[in-house]
Protein backbone atom coordinates (compact mmCIF):
# COMPACT_ATOMS: atom_id res chain seq x y z
CA MET A 1 4.25 24.63 17.05
CA SER A 2 5.40 21.89 19.24
CA VAL A 3 8.97 20.57 18.70
CA ASP A 4 10.15 18.34 21.26
CA PRO A 5 13.61 19.24 22.67
CA SER A 6 15.41 16.39 22.15
CA ALA A 7 14.36 16.65 18.20
CA GLN A 8 17.50 17.80 15.68
CA ILE A 9 16.04 20.46 13.25
CA HIS A 10 18.56 21.77 10.69
CA PRO A 11 18.65 25.45 11.04
CA LEU A 12 17.63 25.78 6.78
CA ALA A 13 14.32 23.68 7.48
CA VAL A 14 10.79 25.70 7.89
CA ILE A 15 8.73 24.24 10.49
CA GLU A 16 5.55 25.94 10.47
CA PRO A 17 3.43 26.95 13.32
CA GLY A 18 0.97 24.40 14.28
CA ALA A 19 3.75 21.24 13.41
CA THR A 20 4.22 18.97 16.06
CA ILE A 21 7.98 17.20 15.99
CA GLY A 22 8.19 14.04 18.20
CA ALA A 23 11.00 12.94 20.58
CA ARG A 24 14.23 12.17 18.57
CA ALA A 25 13.09 13.39 14.91
CA LYS A 26 15.09 14.88 12.31
CA VAL A 27 14.67 17.31 9.85
CA GLY A 28 17.11 18.14 7.26
CA ALA A 29 17.99 21.31 5.49
CA PHE A 30 15.27 22.98 3.18
CA SER A 31 12.57 20.17 4.09
CA LEU A 32 9.28 22.00 4.91
CA ILE A 33 6.51 20.79 7.50
CA GLY A 34 3.73 21.89 7.15
CA PRO A 35 0.77 23.19 9.99
CA GLU A 36 -1.21 19.93 10.45
CA VAL A 37 1.74 17.63 10.34
CA THR A 38 2.80 15.31 12.96
CA LEU A 39 6.04 13.42 13.55
CA ALA A 40 6.16 10.55 16.13
CA GLU A 41 9.22 9.72 17.74
CA ASP A 42 12.79 8.98 15.76
CA VAL A 43 10.87 9.99 12.21
CA GLU A 44 13.61 11.17 10.41
CA ILE A 45 13.17 13.81 7.28
CA ARG A 46 15.93 14.14 5.09
CA SER A 47 16.90 17.15 3.05
CA HIS A 48 14.18 18.56 0.14
CA VAL A 49 11.02 16.91 1.45
CA VAL A 50 7.89 18.78 1.72
CA LEU A 51 5.34 17.17 4.41
CA THR A 52 2.09 19.14 4.28
CA GLY A 53 -1.69 18.60 4.73
CA TRP A 54 -3.19 16.82 7.50
CA THR A 55 -0.65 14.16 7.63
CA ASP A 56 0.55 11.76 10.26
CA ILE A 57 3.95 9.97 10.30
CA GLY A 58 4.51 7.09 12.59
CA ALA A 59 7.67 5.70 14.89
CA GLY A 60 10.93 5.43 12.90
CA THR A 61 9.92 6.25 9.25
CA ILE A 62 12.38 7.76 7.03
CA VAL A 63 11.71 10.02 4.03
CA TYR A 64 14.01 10.70 1.66
CA PRO A 65 15.08 13.72 -0.70
CA PHE A 66 12.32 15.29 -2.74
CA SER A 67 9.43 13.53 -1.71
CA SER A 68 5.76 14.99 -1.51
CA ILE A 69 4.27 13.41 1.21
CA GLY A 70 0.32 15.15 2.01
CA GLU A 71 -0.48 16.82 -0.94
CA VAL A 72 -4.13 17.28 -2.23
CA PRO A 73 -5.35 14.56 -4.00
CA GLN A 74 -4.71 14.33 -7.92
CA ASP A 75 -8.66 14.19 -8.42
CA LEU A 76 -10.82 16.95 -10.04
CA LYS A 77 -13.53 16.03 -7.60
CA PHE A 78 -11.86 17.29 -4.52
CA GLY A 79 -12.96 20.52 -3.49
CA GLY A 80 -10.34 21.81 -0.79
CA GLU A 81 -11.82 19.44 2.13
CA ARG A 82 -9.95 18.60 5.09
CA THR A 83 -8.98 15.24 4.39
CA ARG A 84 -6.21 13.10 5.88
CA LEU A 85 -2.89 10.83 5.31
CA ARG A 86 -2.04 8.26 7.80
CA ILE A 87 1.46 6.51 7.71
CA GLY A 88 2.19 3.98 9.78
CA ALA A 89 5.75 3.02 11.83
CA ARG A 90 9.02 2.21 10.42
CA ASN A 91 8.25 2.68 6.92
CA ARG A 92 11.16 3.70 4.03
CA ILE A 93 9.95 6.37 1.66
CA ARG A 94 12.48 6.62 -1.04
CA GLU A 95 13.79 9.60 -3.26
CA HIS A 96 10.93 11.34 -5.24
CA VAL A 97 8.04 9.43 -3.70
CA THR A 98 4.62 11.32 -3.72
CA MET A 99 1.26 10.19 -1.47
CA ASN A 100 -2.23 12.31 -1.35
CA THR A 101 -4.47 12.62 0.99
CA GLY A 102 -7.87 11.14 1.19
CA THR A 103 -11.12 12.50 -0.38
CA ALA A 104 -14.22 13.02 0.88
CA GLN A 105 -15.89 10.65 -1.57
CA GLY A 106 -13.11 7.91 -0.54
CA GLY A 107 -13.78 7.72 3.27
CA GLY A 108 -11.63 11.11 3.89
CA GLU A 109 -8.29 9.77 4.48
CA THR A 110 -5.34 7.79 2.97
CA VAL A 111 -3.81 5.13 5.28
CA ILE A 112 -0.03 3.49 5.14
CA GLY A 113 0.68 0.49 7.58
CA ASP A 114 3.93 -0.35 9.02
CA ASP A 115 7.01 -1.22 7.96
CA GLY A 116 6.78 -0.70 3.95
CA LEU A 117 8.97 0.15 1.67
CA PHE A 118 8.20 2.74 -1.24
CA MET A 119 11.11 2.96 -3.63
CA ALA A 120 12.13 6.07 -5.67
CA GLY A 121 9.43 7.48 -7.57
CA CYS A 122 6.58 5.27 -6.60
CA HIS A 123 3.21 7.14 -5.98
CA VAL A 124 0.20 6.47 -3.63
CA ALA A 125 -3.10 8.36 -4.66
CA HIS A 126 -6.03 9.42 -2.67
CA ASP A 127 -8.03 7.10 -0.57
CA CYS A 128 -6.01 3.91 -0.86
CA HIS A 129 -5.01 1.52 2.30
CA ILE A 130 -2.26 0.04 2.11
CA GLY A 131 -1.24 -2.79 4.70
CA ASN A 132 1.93 -3.84 6.43
CA ARG A 133 5.17 -4.83 5.17
CA VAL A 134 3.96 -3.95 1.66
CA ILE A 135 6.92 -2.91 -1.08
CA VAL A 136 6.19 -0.92 -3.96
CA VAL A 137 8.75 -1.14 -6.62
CA ASN A 138 10.52 2.17 -8.56
CA GLN A 139 8.15 4.28 -10.56
CA SER A 140 5.21 2.36 -9.89
CA ALA A 141 1.65 4.06 -9.04
CA ILE A 142 -1.37 2.82 -7.06
CA ALA A 143 -4.29 4.67 -8.17
CA GLY A 144 -6.99 5.93 -6.01
CA HIS A 145 -9.15 3.99 -3.60
CA CYS A 146 -7.08 0.79 -3.94
CA MET A 147 -6.68 -1.75 -1.33
CA ILE A 148 -3.47 -3.36 -0.81
CA GLU A 149 -3.38 -5.83 2.01
CA ASP A 150 -0.05 -7.20 3.87
CA ASP A 151 3.18 -8.69 2.65
CA VAL A 152 2.15 -8.02 -1.12
CA ILE A 153 5.08 -6.84 -3.69
CA VAL A 154 4.10 -4.53 -6.46
CA GLY A 155 6.75 -4.72 -9.16
CA GLY A 156 8.87 -2.12 -11.05
CA LEU A 157 6.87 0.50 -13.27
CA SER A 158 3.69 -1.14 -12.77
CA GLY A 159 0.11 0.40 -12.47
CA ILE A 160 -2.35 -0.52 -10.07
CA HIS A 161 -5.91 0.64 -11.43
CA GLN A 162 -8.61 2.63 -9.36
CA TRP A 163 -10.58 0.62 -6.73
CA VAL A 164 -8.49 -2.66 -7.26
CA ARG A 165 -7.86 -4.81 -4.30
CA ILE A 166 -4.81 -6.92 -4.31
CA GLY A 167 -4.65 -9.82 -1.52
CA GLN A 168 -2.52 -10.80 1.07
CA GLY A 169 0.93 -11.95 0.19
CA ALA A 170 0.28 -11.48 -3.90
CA ILE A 171 3.17 -10.24 -5.67
CA ILE A 172 3.12 -8.13 -8.97
CA GLY A 173 5.56 -8.52 -11.42
CA ALA A 174 7.18 -5.77 -13.15
CA LEU A 175 5.67 -3.51 -16.14
CA SER A 176 2.28 -5.16 -15.27
CA MET A 177 -1.10 -2.86 -15.57
CA VAL A 178 -3.50 -4.58 -12.73
CA THR A 179 -6.94 -3.56 -13.22
CA ASN A 180 -8.84 -6.28 -11.60
CA ASP A 181 -8.51 -7.81 -8.03
CA VAL A 182 -5.61 -10.15 -7.54
CA VAL A 183 -6.27 -13.20 -5.02
CA PRO A 184 -4.28 -13.33 -2.00
CA TYR A 185 -0.92 -15.50 -2.49
CA GLY A 186 -1.06 -14.84 -6.31
CA LEU A 187 1.52 -14.30 -8.71
CA VAL A 188 0.41 -12.00 -11.62
CA GLN A 189 2.28 -10.67 -14.63
CA GLY A 190 2.09 -9.35 -18.10
CA PRO A 191 1.37 -5.97 -19.73
CA ARG A 192 -2.05 -6.59 -19.55
CA ALA A 193 -1.85 -8.61 -15.96
CA GLU A 194 -2.94 -12.37 -15.80
CA LEU A 195 -3.08 -14.29 -12.47
CA ASP A 196 -0.20 -16.63 -13.31
CA GLY A 197 0.16 -19.00 -10.35
CA LEU A 198 0.79 -18.86 -6.91
CA ASN A 199 3.34 -16.40 -4.73
CA LEU A 200 5.20 -19.75 -4.18
CA VAL A 201 8.65 -17.83 -2.95
CA GLY A 202 6.88 -15.45 -0.89
CA LEU A 203 4.74 -18.65 0.66
CA LYS A 204 7.92 -20.54 1.19
CA ARG A 205 10.00 -17.61 2.59
CA ARG A 206 7.29 -17.11 5.50
CA GLY A 207 7.50 -21.05 6.05
CA VAL A 208 3.91 -21.89 5.13
CA ASP A 209 3.64 -25.64 5.54
CA ARG A 210 3.44 -27.52 2.24
CA THR A 211 -0.13 -29.16 2.51
CA ASP A 212 -1.29 -25.45 2.80
CA ILE A 213 0.79 -24.97 -0.20
CA GLN A 214 -0.70 -27.77 -2.24
CA ALA A 215 -4.12 -26.85 -0.99
CA LEU A 216 -3.76 -23.37 -2.60
CA ARG A 217 -2.40 -25.03 -5.76
CA VAL A 218 -5.82 -27.30 -5.78
CA ALA A 219 -7.98 -24.18 -4.97
CA LEU A 220 -6.44 -22.09 -7.86
CA LEU A 221 -7.31 -24.80 -10.22
CA THR A 222 -10.55 -25.23 -9.00
CA LEU A 223 -11.22 -21.76 -9.66
CA LYS A 224 -9.91 -22.08 -13.07
CA GLN A 225 -11.75 -25.26 -13.85
CA GLY A 226 -14.64 -26.29 -11.51
CA GLU A 227 -17.95 -25.94 -12.52
CA GLY A 228 -20.31 -22.92 -12.09
CA THR A 229 -19.22 -19.06 -12.00
CA PHE A 230 -16.10 -17.93 -10.52
CA LEU A 231 -17.88 -16.81 -7.10
CA GLU A 232 -19.51 -20.21 -6.95
CA ARG A 233 -16.50 -22.29 -7.23
CA ALA A 234 -15.09 -19.94 -4.66
CA ARG A 235 -17.87 -20.69 -2.48
CA ARG A 236 -17.70 -24.33 -2.77
CA LEU A 237 -13.65 -24.13 -1.81
CA GLY A 238 -14.30 -22.51 1.51
CA GLU A 239 -17.04 -25.37 2.37
CA GLU A 240 -14.52 -28.29 1.40
CA THR A 241 -11.13 -27.25 2.72
CA GLU A 242 -9.73 -27.04 5.92
CA SER A 243 -6.65 -24.80 5.19
CA ALA A 244 -6.92 -21.70 6.40
CA TYR A 245 -4.94 -19.70 3.79
CA VAL A 246 -7.38 -20.76 1.39
CA HIS A 247 -10.35 -19.96 3.69
CA ARG A 248 -8.48 -16.73 3.36
CA MET A 249 -8.68 -16.52 -0.38
CA VAL A 250 -12.24 -17.37 0.08
CA GLU A 251 -13.14 -14.59 2.27
CA PHE A 252 -11.17 -12.20 -0.29
CA ILE A 253 -13.37 -13.41 -2.86
CA THR A 254 -16.73 -13.28 -1.56
CA GLY A 255 -16.01 -9.47 0.27
CA ALA A 256 -17.44 -6.59 -1.31
CA SER A 257 -15.55 -5.41 -4.45
CA ASP A 258 -16.12 -2.95 -7.53
CA ARG A 259 -13.86 -4.70 -9.56
CA SER A 260 -13.96 -8.39 -11.33
CA PHE A 261 -11.11 -10.97 -10.36
CA LEU A 262 -7.96 -11.96 -12.70
CA VAL A 263 -8.70 -15.64 -12.88
CA PRO A 264 -5.92 -18.12 -13.74
CA LYS A 265 -5.32 -18.72 -17.74
């Protein structure tokens, strides 16, 4: 066990031999830190948290009460192999959140980026790769092997199907069941979610130029109504546009995937 002298450990916390606690980290009462857990500097673990498994938590992250972080996957194929959970810096992981380690079949690790907000009761399953500045709202569940790119918002009480990819800057409306890939900057909503336009609010908040927003509008229209298959229309877009945002969308569509895409209505 390695505990930095500046760390603040409540006397009622349990730190198992082998754990690493960084400078100025805080661990609250009745929390359990497992033997393969590493807390970077300035991490704060509130009371009644379970951190277990081969789990690394980045600097400045806060984990709130009754969260279970680093437990084994909820996957019947899991055979007890040593797999990992890596959580980046400055995340806020609220009450009752669950995040699991990876599986050997899925690459062996679950990865969370930096500056995310994971609201109360949400779940991140095995082998997910979550980008930076992602917000997952209350009681939403991200199933195994999903890839969520930077700046995505997943609305409350939503479900993301296994192997789904959600592109950068997309927003998923509340109470949505997302069963196929979502293009970057897309707006998705509905019980059986459909692509319903662009995340215009998010684009404007990030200061995206109007010409790029208009280019994305045209791109969605082309994907909806153009000639050829969805993939053919996307490739043609890449040849015709000068917008970096549209090129990002095209790269995402033509990338490797195990799912089809949500398409414009």
